[in-house]
PDB file of all heavy atoms in Angstrom:
ATOM      1  N   PHE A   1     -12.118 -30.731  60.609  1.00  0.00           N
ATOM      2  CA  PHE A   1     -12.454 -32.213  60.709  1.00  0.00           C
ATOM      3  C   PHE A   1     -13.161 -32.371  62.032  1.00  0.00           C
ATOM      4  O   PHE A   1     -12.954 -31.652  63.048  1.00  0.00           O
ATOM      5  CB  PHE A   1     -11.079 -33.014  60.757  1.00  0.00           C
ATOM      6  CG  PHE A   1     -10.397 -33.029  59.525  1.00  0.00           C
ATOM      7  CD1 PHE A   1     -10.646 -32.095  58.514  1.00  0.00           C
ATOM      8  CD2 PHE A   1      -9.352 -33.988  59.393  1.00  0.00           C
ATOM      9  CE1 PHE A   1      -9.969 -32.388  57.269  1.00  0.00           C
ATOM     10  CE2 PHE A   1      -8.593 -34.041  58.303  1.00  0.00           C
ATOM     11  CZ  PHE A   1      -8.901 -33.364  57.253  1.00  0.00           C
ATOM     12  N   THR A   2     -14.091 -33.342  62.102  1.00  0.00           N
ATOM     13  CA  THR A   2     -14.806 -33.730  63.123  1.00  0.00           C
ATOM     14  C   THR A   2     -14.766 -35.248  63.297  1.00  0.00           C
ATOM     15  O   THR A   2     -15.223 -36.047  62.442  1.00  0.00           O
ATOM     16  CB  THR A   2     -16.266 -33.246  63.146  1.00  0.00           C
ATOM     17  OG1 THR A   2     -16.283 -31.826  62.962  1.00  0.00           O
ATOM     18  CG2 THR A   2     -16.999 -33.677  64.385  1.00  0.00           C
ATOM     19  N   ILE A   3     -14.368 -35.712  64.491  1.00  0.00           N
ATOM     20  CA  ILE A   3     -14.429 -37.184  64.794  1.00  0.00           C
ATOM     21  C   ILE A   3     -15.611 -37.383  65.589  1.00  0.00           C
ATOM     22  O   ILE A   3     -16.057 -36.585  66.455  1.00  0.00           O
ATOM     23  CB  ILE A   3     -13.097 -37.657  65.486  1.00  0.00           C
ATOM     24  CG1 ILE A   3     -13.163 -39.133  65.552  1.00  0.00           C
ATOM     25  CG2 ILE A   3     -13.067 -37.020  66.851  1.00  0.00           C
ATOM     26  CD1 ILE A   3     -11.784 -39.675  65.983  1.00  0.00           C
ATOM     27  N   SER A   4     -16.354 -38.536  65.306  1.00  0.00           N
ATOM     28  CA  SER A   4     -17.540 -38.826  65.983  1.00  0.00           C
ATOM     29  C   SER A   4     -17.701 -40.327  66.086  1.00  0.00           C
ATOM     30  O   SER A   4     -16.953 -41.115  65.437  1.00  0.00           O
ATOM     31  CB  SER A   4     -18.798 -38.282  65.375  1.00  0.00           C
ATOM     32  OG  SER A   4     -18.996 -38.726  64.054  1.00  0.00           O
ATOM     33  N   ARG A   5     -18.648 -40.820  66.892  1.00  0.00           N
ATOM     34  CA  ARG A   5     -18.886 -42.305  67.126  1.00  0.00           C
ATOM     35  C   ARG A   5     -20.288 -42.490  67.002  1.00  0.00           C
ATOM     36  O   ARG A   5     -21.207 -41.820  67.329  1.00  0.00           O
ATOM     37  CB  ARG A   5     -18.390 -42.738  68.470  1.00  0.00           C
ATOM     38  CG  ARG A   5     -16.967 -42.504  68.805  1.00  0.00           C
ATOM     39  CD  ARG A   5     -16.585 -43.169  70.121  1.00  0.00           C
ATOM     40  NE  ARG A   5     -17.500 -42.808  71.107  1.00  0.00           N
ATOM     41  CZ  ARG A   5     -17.526 -43.294  72.339  1.00  0.00           C
ATOM     42  NH1 ARG A   5     -16.689 -44.260  72.668  1.00  0.00           N
ATOM     43  NH2 ARG A   5     -18.376 -42.960  73.250  1.00  0.00           N
ATOM     44  N   ASP A   6     -20.576 -43.736  66.572  1.00  0.00           N
ATOM     45  CA  ASP A   6     -21.907 -44.328  66.499  1.00  0.00           C
ATOM     46  C   ASP A   6     -21.794 -45.798  67.249  1.00  0.00           C
ATOM     47  O   ASP A   6     -21.423 -46.655  66.543  1.00  0.00           O
ATOM     48  CB  ASP A   6     -22.459 -44.498  65.142  1.00  0.00           C
ATOM     49  CG  ASP A   6     -23.997 -44.975  65.078  1.00  0.00           C
ATOM     50  OD1 ASP A   6     -24.380 -45.520  66.091  1.00  0.00           O
ATOM     51  OD2 ASP A   6     -24.664 -44.734  64.203  1.00  0.00           O
ATOM     52  N   ASN A   7     -22.116 -45.678  68.528  1.00  0.00           N
ATOM     53  CA  ASN A   7     -21.893 -46.837  69.273  1.00  0.00           C
ATOM     54  C   ASN A   7     -22.772 -47.989  68.938  1.00  0.00           C
ATOM     55  O   ASN A   7     -22.297 -49.069  69.096  1.00  0.00           O
ATOM     56  CB  ASN A   7     -22.133 -46.560  70.877  1.00  0.00           C
ATOM     57  CG  ASN A   7     -21.120 -45.649  71.445  1.00  0.00           C
ATOM     58  OD1 ASN A   7     -19.925 -45.598  70.903  1.00  0.00           O
ATOM     59  ND2 ASN A   7     -21.386 -44.854  72.402  1.00  0.00           N
ATOM     60  N   ALA A   8     -23.969 -47.718  68.460  1.00  0.00           N
ATOM     61  CA  ALA A   8     -24.882 -48.741  68.044  1.00  0.00           C
ATOM     62  C   ALA A   8     -24.217 -49.486  66.814  1.00  0.00           C
ATOM     63  O   ALA A   8     -24.547 -50.766  66.575  1.00  0.00           O
ATOM     64  CB  ALA A   8     -26.186 -48.140  67.723  1.00  0.00           C
ATOM     65  N   LYS A   9     -23.450 -48.826  66.026  1.00  0.00           N
ATOM     66  CA  LYS A   9     -22.857 -49.510  64.807  1.00  0.00           C
ATOM     67  C   LYS A   9     -21.427 -49.763  65.003  1.00  0.00           C
ATOM     68  O   LYS A   9     -20.750 -50.297  64.063  1.00  0.00           O
ATOM     69  CB  LYS A   9     -22.970 -48.498  63.589  1.00  0.00           C
ATOM     70  CG  LYS A   9     -24.404 -48.157  63.234  1.00  0.00           C
ATOM     71  CD  LYS A   9     -24.485 -47.321  62.028  1.00  0.00           C
ATOM     72  CE  LYS A   9     -25.972 -47.039  61.608  1.00  0.00           C
ATOM     73  NZ  LYS A   9     -25.937 -46.213  60.432  1.00  0.00           N
ATOM     74  N   ASN A  10     -20.855 -49.609  66.179  1.00  0.00           N
ATOM     75  CA  ASN A  10     -19.445 -49.823  66.553  1.00  0.00           C
ATOM     76  C   ASN A  10     -18.615 -49.179  65.388  1.00  0.00           C
ATOM     77  O   ASN A  10     -17.674 -49.739  64.911  1.00  0.00           O
ATOM     78  CB  ASN A  10     -19.109 -51.185  66.611  1.00  0.00           C
ATOM     79  CG  ASN A  10     -19.875 -51.879  67.849  1.00  0.00           C
ATOM     80  OD1 ASN A  10     -19.892 -51.340  68.856  1.00  0.00           O
ATOM     81  ND2 ASN A  10     -20.257 -53.119  67.627  1.00  0.00           N
ATOM     82  N   THR A  11     -18.841 -47.867  65.103  1.00  0.00           N
ATOM     83  CA  THR A  11     -18.256 -47.178  64.078  1.00  0.00           C
ATOM     84  C   THR A  11     -17.749 -45.865  64.501  1.00  0.00           C
ATOM     85  O   THR A  11     -18.526 -45.113  65.157  1.00  0.00           O
ATOM     86  CB  THR A  11     -19.157 -47.090  62.818  1.00  0.00           C
ATOM     87  OG1 THR A  11     -19.480 -48.342  62.315  1.00  0.00           O
ATOM     88  CG2 THR A  11     -18.581 -46.276  61.648  1.00  0.00           C
ATOM     89  N   VAL A  12     -16.632 -45.432  64.124  1.00  0.00           N
ATOM     90  CA  VAL A  12     -16.133 -44.081  64.281  1.00  0.00           C
ATOM     91  C   VAL A  12     -16.038 -43.364  62.938  1.00  0.00           C
ATOM     92  O   VAL A  12     -15.834 -44.074  61.943  1.00  0.00           O
ATOM     93  CB  VAL A  12     -14.749 -44.019  64.963  1.00  0.00           C
ATOM     94  CG1 VAL A  12     -13.823 -44.695  64.238  1.00  0.00           C
ATOM     95  CG2 VAL A  12     -14.326 -42.621  65.375  1.00  0.00           C
ATOM     96  N   TYR A  13     -16.343 -42.113  62.889  1.00  0.00           N
ATOM     97  CA  TYR A  13     -16.242 -41.303  61.580  1.00  0.00           C
ATOM     98  C   TYR A  13     -15.197 -40.226  61.659  1.00  0.00           C
ATOM     99  O   TYR A  13     -15.034 -39.702  62.793  1.00  0.00           O
ATOM    100  CB  TYR A  13     -17.697 -40.874  61.408  1.00  0.00           C
ATOM    101  CG  TYR A  13     -18.742 -41.838  61.308  1.00  0.00           C
ATOM    102  CD1 TYR A  13     -19.549 -42.076  62.387  1.00  0.00           C
ATOM    103  CD2 TYR A  13     -19.003 -42.456  60.215  1.00  0.00           C
ATOM    104  CE1 TYR A  13     -20.524 -42.954  62.453  1.00  0.00           C
ATOM    105  CE2 TYR A  13     -20.089 -43.357  60.112  1.00  0.00           C
ATOM    106  CZ  TYR A  13     -20.856 -43.733  61.070  1.00  0.00           C
ATOM    107  OH  TYR A  13     -21.850 -44.705  61.096  1.00  0.00           O
ATOM    108  N   LEU A  14     -14.882 -39.823  60.593  1.00  0.00           N
ATOM    109  CA  LEU A  14     -13.956 -38.489  60.485  1.00  0.00           C
ATOM    110  C   LEU A  14     -14.631 -37.769  59.180  1.00  0.00           C
ATOM    111  O   LEU A  14     -14.506 -38.093  58.154  1.00  0.00           O
ATOM    112  CB  LEU A  14     -12.612 -38.880  60.160  1.00  0.00           C
ATOM    113  CG  LEU A  14     -11.715 -37.603  60.053  1.00  0.00           C
ATOM    114  CD1 LEU A  14     -11.565 -37.014  61.536  1.00  0.00           C
ATOM    115  CD2 LEU A  14     -10.356 -38.006  59.698  1.00  0.00           C
ATOM    116  N   GLN A  15     -15.466 -36.703  59.762  1.00  0.00           N
ATOM    117  CA  GLN A  15     -15.890 -35.727  58.748  1.00  0.00           C
ATOM    118  C   GLN A  15     -14.911 -34.768  58.402  1.00  0.00           C
ATOM    119  O   GLN A  15     -14.467 -34.075  59.241  1.00  0.00           O
ATOM    120  CB  GLN A  15     -17.219 -35.056  59.240  1.00  0.00           C
ATOM    121  CG  GLN A  15     -17.856 -34.018  58.368  1.00  0.00           C
ATOM    122  CD  GLN A  15     -18.483 -34.693  57.095  1.00  0.00           C
ATOM    123  OE1 GLN A  15     -19.067 -35.689  57.287  1.00  0.00           O
ATOM    124  NE2 GLN A  15     -18.130 -34.227  55.874  1.00  0.00           N
ATOM    125  N   MET A  16     -14.554 -34.652  57.069  1.00  0.00           N
ATOM    126  CA  MET A  16     -13.516 -33.767  56.646  1.00  0.00           C
ATOM    127  C   MET A  16     -14.067 -32.802  55.752  1.00  0.00           C
ATOM    128  O   MET A  16     -14.417 -33.122  54.727  1.00  0.00           O
ATOM    129  CB  MET A  16     -12.365 -34.629  56.029  1.00  0.00           C
ATOM    130  CG  MET A  16     -11.768 -35.687  56.941  1.00  0.00           C
ATOM    131  SD  MET A  16     -10.367 -36.567  56.026  1.00  0.00           S
ATOM    132  CE  MET A  16     -11.199 -37.306  54.665  1.00  0.00           C
ATOM    133  N   ASN A  17     -14.011 -31.481  56.155  1.00  0.00           N
ATOM    134  CA  ASN A  17     -14.509 -30.412  55.335  1.00  0.00           C
ATOM    135  C   ASN A  17     -13.428 -29.470  54.993  1.00  0.00           C
ATOM    136  O   ASN A  17     -12.354 -29.478  55.558  1.00  0.00           O
ATOM    137  CB  ASN A  17     -15.625 -29.579  56.082  1.00  0.00           C
ATOM    138  CG  ASN A  17     -16.832 -30.402  56.509  1.00  0.00           C
ATOM    139  OD1 ASN A  17     -17.236 -31.299  55.752  1.00  0.00           O
ATOM    140  ND2 ASN A  17     -17.401 -30.116  57.723  1.00  0.00           N
ATOM    141  N   SER A  18     -13.614 -28.630  54.085  1.00  0.00           N
ATOM    142  CA  SER A  18     -12.672 -27.675  53.497  1.00  0.00           C
ATOM    143  C   SER A  18     -11.247 -28.364  53.341  1.00  0.00           C
ATOM    144  O   SER A  18     -10.169 -27.848  53.800  1.00  0.00           O
ATOM    145  CB  SER A  18     -12.504 -26.554  54.622  1.00  0.00           C
ATOM    146  OG  SER A  18     -13.674 -25.900  54.812  1.00  0.00           O
ATOM    147  N   LEU A  19     -11.297 -29.395  52.586  1.00  0.00           N
ATOM    148  CA  LEU A  19     -10.136 -30.220  52.392  1.00  0.00           C
ATOM    149  C   LEU A  19      -9.070 -29.479  51.594  1.00  0.00           C
ATOM    150  O   LEU A  19      -9.343 -28.683  50.680  1.00  0.00           O
ATOM    151  CB  LEU A  19     -10.519 -31.554  51.741  1.00  0.00           C
ATOM    152  CG  LEU A  19     -11.061 -32.562  52.612  1.00  0.00           C
ATOM    153  CD1 LEU A  19     -11.729 -33.597  51.953  1.00  0.00           C
ATOM    154  CD2 LEU A  19      -9.952 -33.147  53.618  1.00  0.00           C
ATOM    155  N   LYS A  20      -7.835 -29.758  51.960  1.00  0.00           N
ATOM    156  CA  LYS A  20      -6.608 -29.015  51.230  1.00  0.00           C
ATOM    157  C   LYS A  20      -5.848 -30.148  50.740  1.00  0.00           C
ATOM    158  O   LYS A  20      -5.803 -31.219  51.079  1.00  0.00           O
ATOM    159  CB  LYS A  20      -5.883 -28.173  52.285  1.00  0.00           C
ATOM    160  CG  LYS A  20      -6.668 -27.208  53.093  1.00  0.00           C
ATOM    161  CD  LYS A  20      -5.750 -26.567  54.142  1.00  0.00           C
ATOM    162  CE  LYS A  20      -6.523 -25.625  55.042  1.00  0.00           C
ATOM    163  NZ  LYS A  20      -5.744 -25.123  56.087  1.00  0.00           N
ATOM    164  N   PRO A  21      -4.954 -29.764  49.588  1.00  0.00           N
ATOM    165  CA  PRO A  21      -4.000 -30.709  49.163  1.00  0.00           C
ATOM    166  C   PRO A  21      -3.043 -31.370  50.078  1.00  0.00           C
ATOM    167  O   PRO A  21      -2.815 -32.624  50.027  1.00  0.00           O
ATOM    168  CB  PRO A  21      -3.271 -29.924  48.058  1.00  0.00           C
ATOM    169  CG  PRO A  21      -4.236 -28.896  47.714  1.00  0.00           C
ATOM    170  CD  PRO A  21      -5.035 -28.436  48.814  1.00  0.00           C
ATOM    171  N   ASP A  22      -2.837 -30.651  51.173  1.00  0.00           N
ATOM    172  CA  ASP A  22      -1.946 -31.144  52.194  1.00  0.00           C
ATOM    173  C   ASP A  22      -2.680 -32.188  53.041  1.00  0.00           C
ATOM    174  O   ASP A  22      -1.983 -32.955  53.771  1.00  0.00           O
ATOM    175  CB  ASP A  22      -1.425 -30.152  53.084  1.00  0.00           C
ATOM    176  CG  ASP A  22      -0.460 -29.142  52.580  1.00  0.00           C
ATOM    177  OD1 ASP A  22       0.166 -29.556  51.504  1.00  0.00           O
ATOM    178  OD2 ASP A  22      -0.023 -28.096  53.089  1.00  0.00           O
ATOM    179  N   ASP A  23      -3.943 -32.282  52.922  1.00  0.00           N
ATOM    180  CA  ASP A  23      -4.654 -33.383  53.625  1.00  0.00           C
ATOM    181  C   ASP A  23      -4.527 -34.741  52.856  1.00  0.00           C
ATOM    182  O   ASP A  23      -4.931 -35.803  53.456  1.00  0.00           O
ATOM    183  CB  ASP A  23      -6.156 -33.090  53.717  1.00  0.00           C
ATOM    184  CG  ASP A  23      -6.399 -31.894  54.544  1.00  0.00           C
ATOM    185  OD1 ASP A  23      -5.701 -31.743  55.630  1.00  0.00           O
ATOM    186  OD2 ASP A  23      -7.225 -31.047  54.236  1.00  0.00           O
ATOM    187  N   THR A  24      -4.029 -34.788  51.742  1.00  0.00           N
ATOM    188  CA  THR A  24      -3.855 -36.075  50.956  1.00  0.00           C
ATOM    189  C   THR A  24      -2.881 -36.939  51.720  1.00  0.00           C
ATOM    190  O   THR A  24      -1.783 -36.674  52.048  1.00  0.00           O
ATOM    191  CB  THR A  24      -3.139 -35.718  49.590  1.00  0.00           C
ATOM    192  OG1 THR A  24      -4.066 -34.886  48.776  1.00  0.00           O
ATOM    193  CG2 THR A  24      -2.878 -36.946  48.794  1.00  0.00           C
ATOM    194  N   ALA A  25      -3.480 -38.125  52.070  1.00  0.00           N
ATOM    195  CA  ALA A  25      -2.656 -39.248  52.775  1.00  0.00           C
ATOM    196  C   ALA A  25      -3.533 -40.344  52.753  1.00  0.00           C
ATOM    197  O   ALA A  25      -4.700 -40.463  52.305  1.00  0.00           O
ATOM    198  CB  ALA A  25      -2.481 -38.698  54.104  1.00  0.00           C
ATOM    199  N   VAL A  26      -2.858 -41.472  53.230  1.00  0.00           N
ATOM    200  CA  VAL A  26      -3.609 -42.582  53.623  1.00  0.00           C
ATOM    201  C   VAL A  26      -3.999 -42.307  55.071  1.00  0.00           C
ATOM    202  O   VAL A  26      -3.143 -42.201  55.896  1.00  0.00           O
ATOM    203  CB  VAL A  26      -2.801 -43.964  53.552  1.00  0.00           C
ATOM    204  CG1 VAL A  26      -3.596 -45.121  54.049  1.00  0.00           C
ATOM    205  CG2 VAL A  26      -2.373 -44.054  52.043  1.00  0.00           C
ATOM    206  N   TYR A  27      -5.303 -42.628  55.250  1.00  0.00           N
ATOM    207  CA  TYR A  27      -5.940 -42.377  56.551  1.00  0.00           C
ATOM    208  C   TYR A  27      -6.181 -43.734  57.361  1.00  0.00           C
ATOM    209  O   TYR A  27      -6.805 -44.602  56.664  1.00  0.00           O
ATOM    210  CB  TYR A  27      -7.222 -41.526  56.520  1.00  0.00           C
ATOM    211  CG  TYR A  27      -6.963 -40.053  56.334  1.00  0.00           C
ATOM    212  CD1 TYR A  27      -6.554 -39.665  55.178  1.00  0.00           C
ATOM    213  CD2 TYR A  27      -7.198 -39.160  57.246  1.00  0.00           C
ATOM    214  CE1 TYR A  27      -6.214 -38.265  54.934  1.00  0.00           C
ATOM    215  CE2 TYR A  27      -6.975 -37.771  57.157  1.00  0.00           C
ATOM    216  CZ  TYR A  27      -6.472 -37.424  55.905  1.00  0.00           C
ATOM    217  OH  TYR A  27      -6.202 -35.990  55.734  1.00  0.00           O
ATOM    218  N   TYR A  28      -5.702 -43.825  58.533  1.00  0.00           N
ATOM    219  CA  TYR A  28      -5.767 -45.172  59.234  1.00  0.00           C
ATOM    220  C   TYR A  28      -6.565 -44.988  60.495  1.00  0.00           C
ATOM    221  O   TYR A  28      -6.380 -43.898  61.269  1.00  0.00           O
ATOM    222  CB  TYR A  28      -4.414 -45.502  59.610  1.00  0.00           C
ATOM    223  CG  TYR A  28      -3.428 -45.899  58.520  1.00  0.00           C
ATOM    224  CD1 TYR A  28      -2.589 -44.955  58.052  1.00  0.00           C
ATOM    225  CD2 TYR A  28      -3.464 -47.199  57.959  1.00  0.00           C
ATOM    226  CE1 TYR A  28      -1.636 -45.210  56.956  1.00  0.00           C
ATOM    227  CE2 TYR A  28      -2.539 -47.513  56.824  1.00  0.00           C
ATOM    228  CZ  TYR A  28      -1.820 -46.437  56.446  1.00  0.00           C
ATOM    229  OH  TYR A  28      -0.885 -46.859  55.409  1.00  0.00           O
ATOM    230  N   CYS A  29      -7.447 -45.855  60.764  1.00  0.00           N
ATOM    231  CA  CYS A  29      -8.102 -46.063  62.033  1.00  0.00           C
ATOM    232  C   CYS A  29      -7.291 -46.675  62.932  1.00  0.00           C
ATOM    233  O   CYS A  29      -6.642 -47.650  62.589  1.00  0.00           O
ATOM    234  CB  CYS A  29      -9.501 -46.661  61.683  1.00  0.00           C
ATOM    235  SG  CYS A  29     -10.583 -46.737  63.155  1.00  0.00           S
ATOM    236  N   ASN A  30      -7.366 -46.256  64.191  1.00  0.00           N
ATOM    237  CA  ASN A  30      -6.659 -46.894  65.249  1.00  0.00           C
ATOM    238  C   ASN A  30      -7.440 -47.013  66.509  1.00  0.00           C
ATOM    239  O   ASN A  30      -8.247 -46.127  66.782  1.00  0.00           O
ATOM    240  CB  ASN A  30      -5.256 -46.042  65.583  1.00  0.00           C
ATOM    241  CG  ASN A  30      -4.596 -46.605  66.832  1.00  0.00           C
ATOM    242  OD1 ASN A  30      -4.594 -45.795  67.723  1.00  0.00           O
ATOM    243  ND2 ASN A  30      -4.011 -47.776  66.652  1.00  0.00           N
ATOM    244  N   ALA A  31      -7.303 -48.097  67.174  1.00  0.00           N
ATOM    245  CA  ALA A  31      -7.930 -48.349  68.490  1.00  0.00           C
ATOM    246  C   ALA A  31      -7.001 -48.777  69.606  1.00  0.00           C
ATOM    247  O   ALA A  31      -6.044 -49.575  69.281  1.00  0.00           O
ATOM    248  CB  ALA A  31      -9.074 -49.398  68.326  1.00  0.00           C
ATOM    249  N   GLY A  32      -7.088 -48.272  70.746  1.00  0.00           N
ATOM    250  CA  GLY A  32      -6.247 -48.844  71.887  1.00  0.00           C
ATOM    251  C   GLY A  32      -6.625 -48.138  73.128  1.00  0.00           C
ATOM    252  O   GLY A  32      -7.764 -47.700  73.217  1.00  0.00           O
ATOM    253  N   ILE A  33      -5.686 -48.165  74.025  1.00  0.00           N
ATOM    254  CA  ILE A  33      -5.914 -47.657  75.458  1.00  0.00           C
ATOM    255  C   ILE A  33      -5.138 -46.428  75.582  1.00  0.00           C
ATOM    256  O   ILE A  33      -3.927 -46.472  75.577  1.00  0.00           O
ATOM    257  CB  ILE A  33      -5.593 -48.704  76.485  1.00  0.00           C
ATOM    258  CG1 ILE A  33      -6.373 -49.960  76.307  1.00  0.00           C
ATOM    259  CG2 ILE A  33      -5.808 -48.079  77.840  1.00  0.00           C
ATOM    260  CD1 ILE A  33      -5.946 -51.118  77.208  1.00  0.00           C
ATOM    261  N   LEU A  34      -5.826 -45.331  75.673  1.00  0.00           N
ATOM    262  CA  LEU A  34      -5.262 -44.055  75.716  1.00  0.00           C
ATOM    263  C   LEU A  34      -5.465 -43.331  77.129  1.00  0.00           C
ATOM    264  O   LEU A  34      -6.709 -43.263  77.465  1.00  0.00           O
ATOM    265  CB  LEU A  34      -5.587 -43.054  74.647  1.00  0.00           C
ATOM    266  CG  LEU A  34      -4.952 -41.726  74.657  1.00  0.00           C
ATOM    267  CD1 LEU A  34      -3.510 -41.693  74.242  1.00  0.00           C
ATOM    268  CD2 LEU A  34      -5.715 -40.861  73.762  1.00  0.00           C
ATOM    269  N   TYR A  35      -4.473 -43.015  77.951  1.00  0.00           N
ATOM    270  CA  TYR A  35      -4.674 -42.167  79.081  1.00  0.00           C
ATOM    271  C   TYR A  35      -3.935 -40.917  78.850  1.00  0.00           C
ATOM    272  O   TYR A  35      -2.641 -40.911  78.872  1.00  0.00           O
ATOM    273  CB  TYR A  35      -4.249 -42.974  80.327  1.00  0.00           C
ATOM    274  CG  TYR A  35      -5.099 -44.155  80.638  1.00  0.00           C
ATOM    275  CD1 TYR A  35      -4.592 -45.454  80.353  1.00  0.00           C
ATOM    276  CD2 TYR A  35      -6.415 -44.065  81.002  1.00  0.00           C
ATOM    277  CE1 TYR A  35      -5.333 -46.574  80.657  1.00  0.00           C
ATOM    278  CE2 TYR A  35      -7.160 -45.097  81.289  1.00  0.00           C
ATOM    279  CZ  TYR A  35      -6.611 -46.406  81.048  1.00  0.00           C
ATOM    280  OH  TYR A  35      -7.415 -47.495  81.332  1.00  0.00           O
ATOM    281  N   GLY A  36      -4.619 -39.805  78.784  1.00  0.00           N
ATOM    282  CA  GLY A  36      -3.814 -38.481  78.669  1.00  0.00           C
ATOM    283  C   GLY A  36      -3.318 -38.567  77.253  1.00  0.00           C
ATOM    284  O   GLY A  36      -3.999 -38.628  76.185  1.00  0.00           O
TER     285      GLY A  36
END
């Protein structure tokens, strides 16, 4: 998986390759203040 941003579009992406059945889930985007 690769996470990336496009600041011009205010969008974050998650590129998911080589997917496995265990990757099955609801995927949620989250935003907040993270330190460490």
